[in-house]
Amino acid sequence: AIEGKLPTVEEYHKYANQIAATAKDTFRYMNFDRMEHYVDATKDVQLGEEYRLAKEKEAARLKSLH
């Protein structure tokens, strides 16, 4: 969708190769649940009971995947 249409196979591989080249750094930043300083900073945030329950359920689901 970068070019406003479905990519050809060649276009897809061009972008996939660019992503793969930086994947280690890119995806490292997406693991906030594993970053101690991030988790510690969010411990006292109050977002309401409904959100807290949903967050705990999702955290348990993610842990079950490891």
N, C-alpha and C. Protein backbone atom coordinates (compact mmCIF):
# COMPACT_ATOMS: atom_id res chain seq x y z
N ALA A 1 0.82 -1.19 0.00
CA ALA A 1 0.00 0.00 0.00
C ALA A 1 0.87 1.26 0.00
N ILE A 2 2.15 1.11 0.12
CA ILE A 2 3.04 2.27 0.10
C ILE A 2 2.89 3.04 -1.20
N GLU A 3 2.74 2.31 -2.27
CA GLU A 3 2.62 2.95 -3.59
C GLU A 3 1.17 3.14 -4.01
N GLY A 4 0.22 2.92 -3.10
CA GLY A 4 -1.18 3.15 -3.40
C GLY A 4 -1.86 2.01 -4.14
N LYS A 5 -1.21 0.86 -4.20
CA LYS A 5 -1.78 -0.30 -4.88
C LYS A 5 -1.13 -1.55 -4.31
N LEU A 6 -1.70 -2.69 -4.61
CA LEU A 6 -1.04 -3.94 -4.22
C LEU A 6 0.27 -4.05 -4.99
N PRO A 7 1.33 -4.44 -4.30
CA PRO A 7 2.62 -4.49 -4.98
C PRO A 7 2.76 -5.71 -5.88
N THR A 8 3.62 -5.57 -6.86
CA THR A 8 4.02 -6.73 -7.65
C THR A 8 4.95 -7.56 -6.77
N VAL A 9 5.29 -8.75 -7.21
CA VAL A 9 6.21 -9.59 -6.44
C VAL A 9 7.54 -8.87 -6.28
N GLU A 10 8.01 -8.24 -7.32
CA GLU A 10 9.29 -7.53 -7.27
C GLU A 10 9.24 -6.37 -6.28
N GLU A 11 8.13 -5.60 -6.32
CA GLU A 11 7.99 -4.48 -5.39
C GLU A 11 7.93 -4.98 -3.95
N TYR A 12 7.19 -6.05 -3.74
CA TYR A 12 7.09 -6.62 -2.39
C TYR A 12 8.47 -7.01 -1.87
N HIS A 13 9.24 -7.70 -2.68
CA HIS A 13 10.57 -8.13 -2.24
C HIS A 13 11.49 -6.95 -1.99
N LYS A 14 11.35 -5.91 -2.77
CA LYS A 14 12.18 -4.71 -2.57
C LYS A 14 11.93 -4.15 -1.16
N TYR A 15 10.67 -3.99 -0.79
CA TYR A 15 10.34 -3.46 0.53
C TYR A 15 10.64 -4.46 1.63
N ALA A 16 10.37 -5.72 1.39
CA ALA A 16 10.64 -6.76 2.40
C ALA A 16 12.13 -6.81 2.72
N ASN A 17 12.97 -6.67 1.72
CA ASN A 17 14.41 -6.69 1.94
C ASN A 17 14.85 -5.48 2.75
N GLN A 18 14.24 -4.33 2.51
CA GLN A 18 14.57 -3.13 3.28
C GLN A 18 14.17 -3.31 4.74
N ILE A 19 13.01 -3.90 4.97
CA ILE A 19 12.55 -4.15 6.34
C ILE A 19 13.45 -5.17 7.01
N ALA A 20 13.79 -6.23 6.31
CA ALA A 20 14.63 -7.28 6.87
C ALA A 20 15.99 -6.75 7.29
N ALA A 21 16.51 -5.77 6.55
CA ALA A 21 17.83 -5.22 6.84
C ALA A 21 17.86 -4.52 8.20
N THR A 22 16.74 -3.99 8.65
CA THR A 22 16.70 -3.28 9.93
C THR A 22 15.79 -3.96 10.95
N ALA A 23 15.35 -5.17 10.67
CA ALA A 23 14.37 -5.85 11.52
C ALA A 23 14.84 -6.01 12.96
N LYS A 24 16.10 -6.33 13.16
CA LYS A 24 16.59 -6.54 14.52
C LYS A 24 16.37 -5.29 15.37
N ASP A 25 16.70 -4.13 14.84
CA ASP A 25 16.51 -2.89 15.58
C ASP A 25 15.04 -2.49 15.62
N THR A 26 14.34 -2.64 14.51
CA THR A 26 12.94 -2.22 14.45
C THR A 26 12.09 -3.01 15.43
N PHE A 27 12.17 -4.29 15.40
CA PHE A 27 11.29 -5.12 16.22
C PHE A 27 11.71 -5.16 17.68
N ARG A 28 12.95 -4.79 17.96
CA ARG A 28 13.40 -4.70 19.35
C ARG A 28 12.58 -3.65 20.08
N TYR A 29 12.22 -2.59 19.40
CA TYR A 29 11.48 -1.51 20.03
C TYR A 29 10.00 -1.83 20.19
N MET A 30 9.54 -2.91 19.63
CA MET A 30 8.13 -3.27 19.73
C MET A 30 7.86 -4.20 20.91
N ASN A 31 8.88 -4.58 21.64
CA ASN A 31 8.73 -5.48 22.78
C ASN A 31 8.72 -4.70 24.09
N PHE A 32 7.82 -3.72 24.18
CA PHE A 32 7.77 -2.88 25.37
C PHE A 32 7.51 -3.69 26.63
N ASP A 33 6.77 -4.77 26.53
CA ASP A 33 6.47 -5.59 27.70
C ASP A 33 7.70 -6.28 28.26
N ARG A 34 8.79 -6.27 27.51
CA ARG A 34 10.03 -6.90 27.96
C ARG A 34 11.09 -5.88 28.37
N MET A 35 10.77 -4.60 28.25
CA MET A 35 11.73 -3.55 28.57
C MET A 35 11.47 -3.08 29.99
N GLU A 36 12.38 -3.45 30.90
CA GLU A 36 12.16 -3.22 32.32
C GLU A 36 11.86 -1.75 32.64
N HIS A 37 12.61 -0.83 32.05
CA HIS A 37 12.38 0.59 32.36
C HIS A 37 11.00 1.05 31.88
N TYR A 38 10.49 0.47 30.80
CA TYR A 38 9.16 0.83 30.33
C TYR A 38 8.09 0.25 31.25
N VAL A 39 8.24 -1.01 31.61
CA VAL A 39 7.27 -1.66 32.49
C VAL A 39 7.23 -0.95 33.83
N ASP A 40 8.40 -0.62 34.38
CA ASP A 40 8.45 0.08 35.66
C ASP A 40 7.76 1.44 35.59
N ALA A 41 7.95 2.15 34.49
CA ALA A 41 7.36 3.49 34.34
C ALA A 41 5.84 3.44 34.23
N THR A 42 5.29 2.31 33.86
CA THR A 42 3.84 2.22 33.66
C THR A 42 3.10 1.58 34.84
N LYS A 43 3.81 1.15 35.85
CA LYS A 43 3.17 0.44 36.97
C LYS A 43 2.13 1.28 37.69
N ASP A 44 2.33 2.58 37.82
CA ASP A 44 1.42 3.43 38.58
C ASP A 44 0.39 4.16 37.73
N VAL A 45 0.32 3.88 36.45
CA VAL A 45 -0.64 4.54 35.58
C VAL A 45 -2.03 3.97 35.85
N GLN A 46 -3.00 4.83 36.04
CA GLN A 46 -4.38 4.43 36.31
C GLN A 46 -5.25 4.70 35.09
N LEU A 47 -5.71 3.65 34.42
CA LEU A 47 -6.52 3.82 33.21
C LEU A 47 -7.94 3.29 33.38
N GLY A 48 -8.29 2.87 34.58
CA GLY A 48 -9.65 2.36 34.80
C GLY A 48 -9.68 0.85 34.87
N GLU A 49 -10.69 0.35 35.53
CA GLU A 49 -10.83 -1.09 35.78
C GLU A 49 -11.02 -1.90 34.50
N GLU A 50 -11.85 -1.40 33.59
CA GLU A 50 -12.09 -2.15 32.34
C GLU A 50 -10.79 -2.34 31.56
N TYR A 51 -10.02 -1.28 31.46
CA TYR A 51 -8.74 -1.36 30.74
C TYR A 51 -7.78 -2.28 31.48
N ARG A 52 -7.72 -2.16 32.82
CA ARG A 52 -6.81 -2.99 33.59
C ARG A 52 -7.08 -4.47 33.36
N LEU A 53 -8.35 -4.86 33.37
CA LEU A 53 -8.71 -6.26 33.14
C LEU A 53 -8.34 -6.72 31.74
N ALA A 54 -8.59 -5.86 30.76
CA ALA A 54 -8.24 -6.20 29.38
C ALA A 54 -6.73 -6.33 29.23
N LYS A 55 -5.98 -5.45 29.89
CA LYS A 55 -4.51 -5.48 29.83
C LYS A 55 -3.99 -6.76 30.46
N GLU A 56 -4.53 -7.14 31.61
CA GLU A 56 -4.09 -8.37 32.27
C GLU A 56 -4.39 -9.60 31.42
N LYS A 57 -5.55 -9.62 30.80
CA LYS A 57 -5.92 -10.74 29.94
C LYS A 57 -4.96 -10.84 28.75
N GLU A 58 -4.65 -9.70 28.14
CA GLU A 58 -3.73 -9.70 26.99
C GLU A 58 -2.32 -10.07 27.42
N ALA A 59 -1.87 -9.60 28.57
CA ALA A 59 -0.55 -9.95 29.07
C ALA A 59 -0.43 -11.46 29.29
N ALA A 60 -1.49 -12.06 29.87
CA ALA A 60 -1.49 -13.50 30.08
C ALA A 60 -1.46 -14.25 28.75
N ARG A 61 -2.20 -13.74 27.76
CA ARG A 61 -2.21 -14.38 26.44
C ARG A 61 -0.82 -14.32 25.82
N LEU A 62 -0.16 -13.16 25.91
CA LEU A 62 1.17 -13.01 25.33
C LEU A 62 2.19 -13.91 26.03
N LYS A 63 2.11 -14.02 27.34
CA LYS A 63 3.03 -14.90 28.08
C LYS A 63 2.84 -16.35 27.67
N SER A 64 1.60 -16.74 27.36
CA SER A 64 1.35 -18.13 26.97
C SER A 64 1.98 -18.46 25.63
N LEU A 65 2.31 -17.45 24.84
CA LEU A 65 2.91 -17.67 23.53
C LEU A 65 4.40 -17.95 23.61
N HIS A 66 5.02 -17.63 24.73
CA HIS A 66 6.48 -17.78 24.87
C HIS A 66 6.82 -19.12 25.39
